[in-house]
Amino acid sequence: MNWIDELRWRLEPVGGTVSLDRPTLLVVAGCALVAVAVVPLWRVLRLAVTLVHELGHALTGMAVGRRFTGFVLRGDMSGHAVTVGKPRGPGRVLSTWAGYPAPAVVGAAMVWLAGRGWAAASTAVVLVALLVALVRVRSALTLVVMVAALAGTAALWWWRDDGLQARVLVGAGIVLVIGAWRHLAAVWGSADRSSDPRVLASLTRLPTVVWNLTFAAVCAGASWVVAVEILHVWR
């Protein structure tokens, strides 16, 4: 098998859907819920949610014509991504808004695609996004997190196991959706002027609560997608 065939094999979807039976789904969902509920585990996983949050800012900024120059993850589990462009306008607003919804959207997409046999291609997309972001790392902690995420994603993709990929994506998707809600709860009543809702309020005439409600609407939609997929398997 030449390298083109190798690559194609690692990208092509599974014929039909990947079966996640009830016991498997219970284990995956249970592990995800425990990981989010247990404080020491959540402190580690929160970095992954923050990473998706910051890459949401960065990739959306690039999509609207801004220049992504770097990002950091901090020891207190917060982060910061920098995109350069016009200080105001739709592009700035959209790139600023994209952070909090990003984990929920990515998580719901992971669960939906995994259930339809697209886990391998989805894992490859995640791998490419991480590789693009790697050159924009601006701190030692961020580099450690990125290398760990890249190593795990690359191994999952290269040594392809359809069942394992589906289980990992479903579990990671649940963690990201719940993590998005937890991040939103933390910022909802924050008085920090540098928070995304406060920045959005300063860029527009809409109050902070309106932006928080838009975040909540996206999280609710993502939760609905995950719930429908889980109920589909459960039936």
C-alpha atoms as a PDB file:
ATOM      1  CA  MET A   1       0.000   0.000   0.000  1.00  0.00           C
ATOM      2  CA  ASN A   2       1.562   3.341  -1.078  1.00  0.00           C
ATOM      3  CA  TRP A   3       1.305   6.516   0.961  1.00  0.00           C
ATOM      4  CA  ILE A   4      -1.705   7.811  -0.985  1.00  0.00           C
ATOM      5  CA  ASP A   5      -3.620   4.619  -0.267  1.00  0.00           C
ATOM      6  CA  GLU A   6      -2.511   4.784   3.369  1.00  0.00           C
ATOM      7  CA  LEU A   7      -3.802   8.340   3.644  1.00  0.00           C
ATOM      8  CA  ARG A   8      -7.063   7.543   1.884  1.00  0.00           C
ATOM      9  CA  TRP A   9      -7.662   4.563   4.178  1.00  0.00           C
ATOM     10  CA  ARG A  10      -7.189   6.765   7.242  1.00  0.00           C
ATOM     11  CA  LEU A  11      -9.648   9.359   5.942  1.00  0.00           C
ATOM     12  CA  GLU A  12     -12.462   7.383   4.369  1.00  0.00           C
ATOM     13  CA  PRO A  13     -15.677   7.032   6.376  1.00  0.00           C
ATOM     14  CA  VAL A  14     -16.962   3.762   7.711  1.00  0.00           C
ATOM     15  CA  GLY A  15     -19.477   1.999   5.502  1.00  0.00           C
ATOM     16  CA  GLY A  16     -22.731   2.727   7.313  1.00  0.00           C
ATOM     17  CA  THR A  17     -22.975   3.933  10.898  1.00  0.00           C
ATOM     18  CA  VAL A  18     -20.731   2.952  13.777  1.00  0.00           C
ATOM     19  CA  SER A  19     -22.630   0.965  16.338  1.00  0.00           C
ATOM     20  CA  LEU A  20     -22.406   2.264  19.909  1.00  0.00           C
ATOM     21  CA  ASP A  21     -24.515  -0.149  21.926  1.00  0.00           C
ATOM     22  CA  ARG A  22     -26.127   0.812  25.223  1.00  0.00           C
ATOM     23  CA  PRO A  23     -23.416  -0.572  27.533  1.00  0.00           C
ATOM     24  CA  THR A  24     -20.681   1.161  25.541  1.00  0.00           C
ATOM     25  CA  LEU A  25     -22.601   4.420  25.469  1.00  0.00           C
ATOM     26  CA  LEU A  26     -23.201   4.235  29.218  1.00  0.00           C
ATOM     27  CA  VAL A  27     -19.495   3.739  29.871  1.00  0.00           C
ATOM     28  CA  VAL A  28     -18.474   6.571  27.538  1.00  0.00           C
ATOM     29  CA  ALA A  29     -21.060   9.017  28.891  1.00  0.00           C
ATOM     30  CA  GLY A  30     -20.314   7.992  32.460  1.00  0.00           C
ATOM     31  CA  CYS A  31     -16.574   8.568  32.025  1.00  0.00           C
ATOM     32  CA  ALA A  32     -17.249  11.974  30.460  1.00  0.00           C
ATOM     33  CA  LEU A  33     -19.558  13.016  33.309  1.00  0.00           C
ATOM     34  CA  VAL A  34     -17.104  11.837  35.967  1.00  0.00           C
ATOM     35  CA  ALA A  35     -14.266  13.691  34.237  1.00  0.00           C
ATOM     36  CA  VAL A  36     -16.255  16.937  34.340  1.00  0.00           C
ATOM     37  CA  ALA A  37     -17.595  16.445  37.877  1.00  0.00           C
ATOM     38  CA  VAL A  38     -14.382  15.420  39.660  1.00  0.00           C
ATOM     39  CA  VAL A  39     -12.501  18.610  40.458  1.00  0.00           C
ATOM     40  CA  PRO A  40      -8.896  17.414  39.851  1.00  0.00           C
ATOM     41  CA  LEU A  41      -9.871  15.882  36.497  1.00  0.00           C
ATOM     42  CA  TRP A  42     -11.868  18.951  35.496  1.00  0.00           C
ATOM     43  CA  ARG A  43      -8.904  21.214  36.236  1.00  0.00           C
ATOM     44  CA  VAL A  44      -6.934  19.304  33.609  1.00  0.00           C
ATOM     45  CA  LEU A  45      -9.746  18.931  31.085  1.00  0.00           C
ATOM     46  CA  ARG A  46     -10.686  22.578  31.436  1.00  0.00           C
ATOM     47  CA  LEU A  47      -7.471  23.380  29.586  1.00  0.00           C
ATOM     48  CA  ALA A  48      -8.805  21.408  26.614  1.00  0.00           C
ATOM     49  CA  VAL A  49     -12.057  23.378  26.709  1.00  0.00           C
ATOM     50  CA  THR A  50     -10.087  26.626  26.946  1.00  0.00           C
ATOM     51  CA  LEU A  51      -7.926  25.497  24.017  1.00  0.00           C
ATOM     52  CA  VAL A  52     -11.018  25.002  21.828  1.00  0.00           C
ATOM     53  CA  HIS A  53     -12.354  28.361  23.046  1.00  0.00           C
ATOM     54  CA  GLU A  54      -9.178  30.181  21.992  1.00  0.00           C
ATOM     55  CA  LEU A  55      -8.930  28.348  18.676  1.00  0.00           C
ATOM     56  CA  GLY A  56     -12.550  29.342  18.076  1.00  0.00           C
ATOM     57  CA  HIS A  57     -11.454  32.976  18.311  1.00  0.00           C
ATOM     58  CA  ALA A  58      -8.415  32.334  16.128  1.00  0.00           C
ATOM     59  CA  LEU A  59      -9.939  30.261  13.320  1.00  0.00           C
ATOM     60  CA  THR A  60     -13.023  32.479  13.087  1.00  0.00           C
ATOM     61  CA  GLY A  61     -10.767  35.517  12.975  1.00  0.00           C
ATOM     62  CA  MET A  62      -8.795  33.990  10.110  1.00  0.00           C
ATOM     63  CA  ALA A  63     -12.043  33.128   8.297  1.00  0.00           C
ATOM     64  CA  VAL A  64     -13.157  36.785   8.379  1.00  0.00           C
ATOM     65  CA  GLY A  65      -9.801  38.105   7.183  1.00  0.00           C
ATOM     66  CA  ARG A  66      -8.003  38.815  10.443  1.00  0.00           C
ATOM     67  CA  ARG A  67      -4.424  37.664  11.091  1.00  0.00           C
ATOM     68  CA  PHE A  68      -3.896  35.120  13.859  1.00  0.00           C
ATOM     69  CA  THR A  69      -0.626  35.993  15.610  1.00  0.00           C
ATOM     70  CA  GLY A  70      -0.585  33.850  18.740  1.00  0.00           C
ATOM     71  CA  PHE A  71      -2.345  32.423  21.768  1.00  0.00           C
ATOM     72  CA  VAL A  72      -1.606  31.330  25.316  1.00  0.00           C
ATOM     73  CA  LEU A  73      -3.156  29.072  27.936  1.00  0.00           C
ATOM     74  CA  ARG A  74      -2.568  30.072  31.545  1.00  0.00           C
ATOM     75  CA  GLY A  75      -2.143  28.123  34.757  1.00  0.00           C
ATOM     76  CA  ASP A  76      -5.499  29.414  36.071  1.00  0.00           C
ATOM     77  CA  MET A  77      -7.118  27.673  33.062  1.00  0.00           C
ATOM     78  CA  SER A  78      -7.850  30.946  31.269  1.00  0.00           C
ATOM     79  CA  GLY A  79      -6.406  31.849  27.875  1.00  0.00           C
ATOM     80  CA  HIS A  80      -5.977  34.542  25.301  1.00  0.00           C
ATOM     81  CA  ALA A  81      -5.830  34.531  21.500  1.00  0.00           C
ATOM     82  CA  VAL A  82      -4.699  37.506  19.431  1.00  0.00           C
ATOM     83  CA  THR A  83      -5.982  38.286  15.938  1.00  0.00           C
ATOM     84  CA  VAL A  84      -4.893  41.443  14.166  1.00  0.00           C
ATOM     85  CA  GLY A  85      -7.233  43.504  12.015  1.00  0.00           C
ATOM     86  CA  LYS A  86      -9.703  46.355  12.236  1.00  0.00           C
ATOM     87  CA  PRO A  87     -10.348  47.286  15.883  1.00  0.00           C
ATOM     88  CA  ARG A  88     -14.082  47.457  15.261  1.00  0.00           C
ATOM     89  CA  GLY A  89     -16.580  46.116  12.768  1.00  0.00           C
ATOM     90  CA  PRO A  90     -18.295  42.794  12.008  1.00  0.00           C
ATOM     91  CA  GLY A  91     -15.037  40.835  11.747  1.00  0.00           C
ATOM     92  CA  ARG A  92     -13.880  41.883  15.203  1.00  0.00           C
ATOM     93  CA  VAL A  93     -17.312  41.209  16.672  1.00  0.00           C
ATOM     94  CA  LEU A  94     -17.592  37.747  15.102  1.00  0.00           C
ATOM     95  CA  SER A  95     -14.085  36.659  16.094  1.00  0.00           C
ATOM     96  CA  THR A  96     -14.664  37.880  19.666  1.00  0.00           C
ATOM     97  CA  TRP A  97     -18.055  36.174  19.865  1.00  0.00           C
ATOM     98  CA  ALA A  98     -16.814  32.803  18.590  1.00  0.00           C
ATOM     99  CA  GLY A  99     -14.899  31.767  21.710  1.00  0.00           C
ATOM    100  CA  TYR A 100     -17.631  30.672  24.103  1.00  0.00           C
ATOM    101  CA  PRO A 101     -19.773  28.829  21.527  1.00  0.00           C
ATOM    102  CA  ALA A 102     -16.766  27.000  20.022  1.00  0.00           C
ATOM    103  CA  PRO A 103     -16.490  24.101  22.526  1.00  0.00           C
ATOM    104  CA  ALA A 104     -20.236  23.419  22.301  1.00  0.00           C
ATOM    105  CA  VAL A 105     -20.263  23.492  18.483  1.00  0.00           C
ATOM    106  CA  VAL A 106     -17.148  21.333  18.174  1.00  0.00           C
ATOM    107  CA  GLY A 107     -18.430  18.897  20.806  1.00  0.00           C
ATOM    108  CA  ALA A 108     -21.817  18.479  19.133  1.00  0.00           C
ATOM    109  CA  ALA A 109     -20.141  18.032  15.740  1.00  0.00           C
ATOM    110  CA  MET A 110     -17.874  15.321  17.173  1.00  0.00           C
ATOM    111  CA  VAL A 111     -20.810  13.337  18.545  1.00  0.00           C
ATOM    112  CA  TRP A 112     -22.894  13.752  15.370  1.00  0.00           C
ATOM    113  CA  LEU A 113     -20.083  12.831  12.979  1.00  0.00           C
ATOM    114  CA  ALA A 114     -18.851   9.910  15.081  1.00  0.00           C
ATOM    115  CA  GLY A 115     -22.283   8.324  14.991  1.00  0.00           C
ATOM    116  CA  ARG A 116     -22.321   8.517  11.203  1.00  0.00           C
ATOM    117  CA  GLY A 117     -18.983   6.875  10.532  1.00  0.00           C
ATOM    118  CA  TRP A 118     -16.961  10.048  10.028  1.00  0.00           C
ATOM    119  CA  ALA A 119     -14.752   9.718  13.105  1.00  0.00           C
ATOM    120  CA  ALA A 120     -11.565   9.166  11.090  1.00  0.00           C
ATOM    121  CA  ALA A 121     -12.020  12.248   8.916  1.00  0.00           C
ATOM    122  CA  SER A 122     -13.094  14.314  11.938  1.00  0.00           C
ATOM    123  CA  THR A 123      -9.968  13.275  13.818  1.00  0.00           C
ATOM    124  CA  ALA A 124      -7.863  14.312  10.822  1.00  0.00           C
ATOM    125  CA  VAL A 125      -9.504  17.757  10.765  1.00  0.00           C
ATOM    126  CA  VAL A 126      -8.744  18.207  14.463  1.00  0.00           C
ATOM    127  CA  LEU A 127      -5.146  17.158  13.823  1.00  0.00           C
ATOM    128  CA  VAL A 128      -4.718  19.705  11.020  1.00  0.00           C
ATOM    129  CA  ALA A 129      -6.237  22.486  13.145  1.00  0.00           C
ATOM    130  CA  LEU A 130      -3.816  21.689  15.975  1.00  0.00           C
ATOM    131  CA  LEU A 131      -0.847  21.672  13.596  1.00  0.00           C
ATOM    132  CA  VAL A 132      -1.833  25.060  12.182  1.00  0.00           C
ATOM    133  CA  ALA A 133      -2.169  26.483  15.690  1.00  0.00           C
ATOM    134  CA  LEU A 134       1.110  24.967  16.947  1.00  0.00           C
ATOM    135  CA  VAL A 135       3.252  27.633  15.283  1.00  0.00           C
ATOM    136  CA  ARG A 136       1.257  30.330  17.103  1.00  0.00           C
ATOM    137  CA  VAL A 137       1.985  29.035  20.603  1.00  0.00           C
ATOM    138  CA  ARG A 138       3.349  31.777  22.859  1.00  0.00           C
ATOM    139  CA  SER A 139       3.993  30.102  26.239  1.00  0.00           C
ATOM    140  CA  ALA A 140       5.567  26.950  27.681  1.00  0.00           C
ATOM    141  CA  LEU A 141       2.305  25.676  29.195  1.00  0.00           C
ATOM    142  CA  THR A 142       0.515  26.169  25.889  1.00  0.00           C
ATOM    143  CA  LEU A 143       3.245  24.200  24.119  1.00  0.00           C
ATOM    144  CA  VAL A 144       2.920  21.312  26.586  1.00  0.00           C
ATOM    145  CA  VAL A 145      -0.861  21.186  26.145  1.00  0.00           C
ATOM    146  CA  MET A 146      -0.584  21.396  22.362  1.00  0.00           C
ATOM    147  CA  VAL A 147       2.057  18.661  22.128  1.00  0.00           C
ATOM    148  CA  ALA A 148      -0.035  16.376  24.338  1.00  0.00           C
ATOM    149  CA  ALA A 149      -3.169  17.070  22.260  1.00  0.00           C
ATOM    150  CA  LEU A 150      -1.268  16.521  19.010  1.00  0.00           C
ATOM    151  CA  ALA A 151       0.298  13.266  20.196  1.00  0.00           C
ATOM    152  CA  GLY A 152      -3.026  11.837  21.348  1.00  0.00           C
ATOM    153  CA  THR A 153      -4.914  12.933  18.233  1.00  0.00           C
ATOM    154  CA  ALA A 154      -2.190  11.709  15.867  1.00  0.00           C
ATOM    155  CA  ALA A 155      -2.064   8.288  17.540  1.00  0.00           C
ATOM    156  CA  LEU A 156      -5.850   7.982  17.442  1.00  0.00           C
ATOM    157  CA  TRP A 157      -5.880   8.868  13.749  1.00  0.00           C
ATOM    158  CA  TRP A 158      -2.840   6.882  12.566  1.00  0.00           C
ATOM    159  CA  TRP A 159      -3.606   3.591  14.312  1.00  0.00           C
ATOM    160  CA  ARG A 160      -7.142   3.648  13.084  1.00  0.00           C
ATOM    161  CA  ASP A 161      -9.720   1.744  15.092  1.00  0.00           C
ATOM    162  CA  ASP A 162     -13.222   2.757  14.067  1.00  0.00           C
ATOM    163  CA  GLY A 163     -14.864   1.754  17.327  1.00  0.00           C
ATOM    164  CA  LEU A 164     -12.220   3.453  19.487  1.00  0.00           C
ATOM    165  CA  GLN A 165     -12.295   6.650  17.428  1.00  0.00           C
ATOM    166  CA  ALA A 166     -16.084   6.836  17.729  1.00  0.00           C
ATOM    167  CA  ARG A 167     -15.987   6.277  21.494  1.00  0.00           C
ATOM    168  CA  VAL A 168     -13.263   8.890  22.018  1.00  0.00           C
ATOM    169  CA  LEU A 169     -15.055  11.484  19.894  1.00  0.00           C
ATOM    170  CA  VAL A 170     -18.376  10.916  21.647  1.00  0.00           C
ATOM    171  CA  GLY A 171     -16.743  11.171  25.077  1.00  0.00           C
ATOM    172  CA  ALA A 172     -14.732  14.242  24.113  1.00  0.00           C
ATOM    173  CA  GLY A 173     -17.812  15.813  22.559  1.00  0.00           C
ATOM    174  CA  ILE A 174     -19.834  15.394  25.750  1.00  0.00           C
ATOM    175  CA  VAL A 175     -16.994  16.902  27.801  1.00  0.00           C
ATOM    176  CA  LEU A 176     -16.759  19.896  25.468  1.00  0.00           C
ATOM    177  CA  VAL A 177     -20.501  20.600  25.536  1.00  0.00           C
ATOM    178  CA  ILE A 178     -20.688  20.389  29.323  1.00  0.00           C
ATOM    179  CA  GLY A 179     -17.464  22.386  29.554  1.00  0.00           C
ATOM    180  CA  ALA A 180     -18.986  25.098  27.373  1.00  0.00           C
ATOM    181  CA  TRP A 181     -21.870  25.425  29.842  1.00  0.00           C
ATOM    182  CA  ARG A 182     -19.465  25.592  32.784  1.00  0.00           C
ATOM    183  CA  HIS A 183     -17.386  28.290  31.100  1.00  0.00           C
ATOM    184  CA  LEU A 184     -20.531  30.258  30.321  1.00  0.00           C
ATOM    185  CA  ALA A 185     -21.728  29.979  33.928  1.00  0.00           C
ATOM    186  CA  ALA A 186     -18.371  31.310  35.114  1.00  0.00           C
ATOM    187  CA  VAL A 187     -18.501  34.398  32.877  1.00  0.00           C
ATOM    188  CA  TRP A 188     -22.240  35.153  33.109  1.00  0.00           C
ATOM    189  CA  GLY A 189     -22.045  37.496  36.075  1.00  0.00           C
ATOM    190  CA  SER A 190     -18.425  38.520  35.684  1.00  0.00           C
ATOM    191  CA  ALA A 191     -17.522  42.180  36.035  1.00  0.00           C
ATOM    192  CA  ASP A 192     -14.200  41.681  34.234  1.00  0.00           C
ATOM    193  CA  ARG A 193     -14.038  44.302  31.470  1.00  0.00           C
ATOM    194  CA  SER A 194     -11.727  42.079  29.436  1.00  0.00           C
ATOM    195  CA  SER A 195     -14.254  39.209  29.269  1.00  0.00           C
ATOM    196  CA  ASP A 196     -15.716  38.423  25.857  1.00  0.00           C
ATOM    197  CA  PRO A 197     -19.296  39.556  26.705  1.00  0.00           C
ATOM    198  CA  ARG A 198     -18.007  42.868  28.084  1.00  0.00           C
ATOM    199  CA  VAL A 199     -15.809  43.428  25.036  1.00  0.00           C
ATOM    200  CA  LEU A 200     -18.737  42.653  22.736  1.00  0.00           C
ATOM    201  CA  ALA A 201     -20.914  45.103  24.630  1.00  0.00           C
ATOM    202  CA  SER A 202     -18.254  47.790  24.160  1.00  0.00           C
ATOM    203  CA  LEU A 203     -18.008  47.026  20.426  1.00  0.00           C
ATOM    204  CA  THR A 204     -21.768  47.181  19.875  1.00  0.00           C
ATOM    205  CA  ARG A 205     -24.860  48.779  21.377  1.00  0.00           C
ATOM    206  CA  LEU A 206     -26.075  45.474  22.777  1.00  0.00           C
ATOM    207  CA  PRO A 207     -25.765  44.859  26.532  1.00  0.00           C
ATOM    208  CA  THR A 208     -23.698  42.036  28.007  1.00  0.00           C
ATOM    209  CA  VAL A 209     -26.741  39.939  28.870  1.00  0.00           C
ATOM    210  CA  VAL A 210     -27.759  39.744  25.200  1.00  0.00           C
ATOM    211  CA  TRP A 211     -24.383  38.306  24.236  1.00  0.00           C
ATOM    212  CA  ASN A 212     -24.535  35.831  27.106  1.00  0.00           C
ATOM    213  CA  LEU A 213     -27.957  34.740  25.871  1.00  0.00           C
ATOM    214  CA  THR A 214     -26.576  34.124  22.376  1.00  0.00           C
ATOM    215  CA  PHE A 215     -23.875  31.924  23.918  1.00  0.00           C
ATOM    216  CA  ALA A 216     -26.539  30.059  25.895  1.00  0.00           C
ATOM    217  CA  ALA A 217     -28.643  29.569  22.750  1.00  0.00           C
ATOM    218  CA  VAL A 218     -25.722  27.928  20.929  1.00  0.00           C
ATOM    219  CA  CYS A 219     -24.927  25.740  23.941  1.00  0.00           C
ATOM    220  CA  ALA A 220     -28.597  24.710  24.135  1.00  0.00           C
ATOM    221  CA  GLY A 221     -28.629  23.811  20.440  1.00  0.00           C
ATOM    222  CA  ALA A 222     -25.452  21.775  20.807  1.00  0.00           C
ATOM    223  CA  SER A 223     -26.881  19.996  23.849  1.00  0.00           C
ATOM    224  CA  TRP A 224     -30.011  19.163  21.872  1.00  0.00           C
ATOM    225  CA  VAL A 225     -27.917  17.607  19.076  1.00  0.00           C
ATOM    226  CA  VAL A 226     -25.984  15.473  21.569  1.00  0.00           C
ATOM    227  CA  ALA A 227     -29.179  14.414  23.366  1.00  0.00           C
ATOM    228  CA  VAL A 228     -30.850  13.406  20.097  1.00  0.00           C
ATOM    229  CA  GLU A 229     -27.829  11.335  19.082  1.00  0.00           C
ATOM    230  CA  ILE A 230     -27.685   9.596  22.458  1.00  0.00           C
ATOM    231  CA  LEU A 231     -31.436   8.886  22.420  1.00  0.00           C
ATOM    232  CA  HIS A 232     -31.100   7.509  18.894  1.00  0.00           C
ATOM    233  CA  VAL A 233     -28.523   5.000  20.093  1.00  0.00           C
ATOM    234  CA  TRP A 234     -30.507   4.240  23.245  1.00  0.00           C
ATOM    235  CA  ARG A 235     -33.606   3.275  21.260  1.00  0.00           C
END
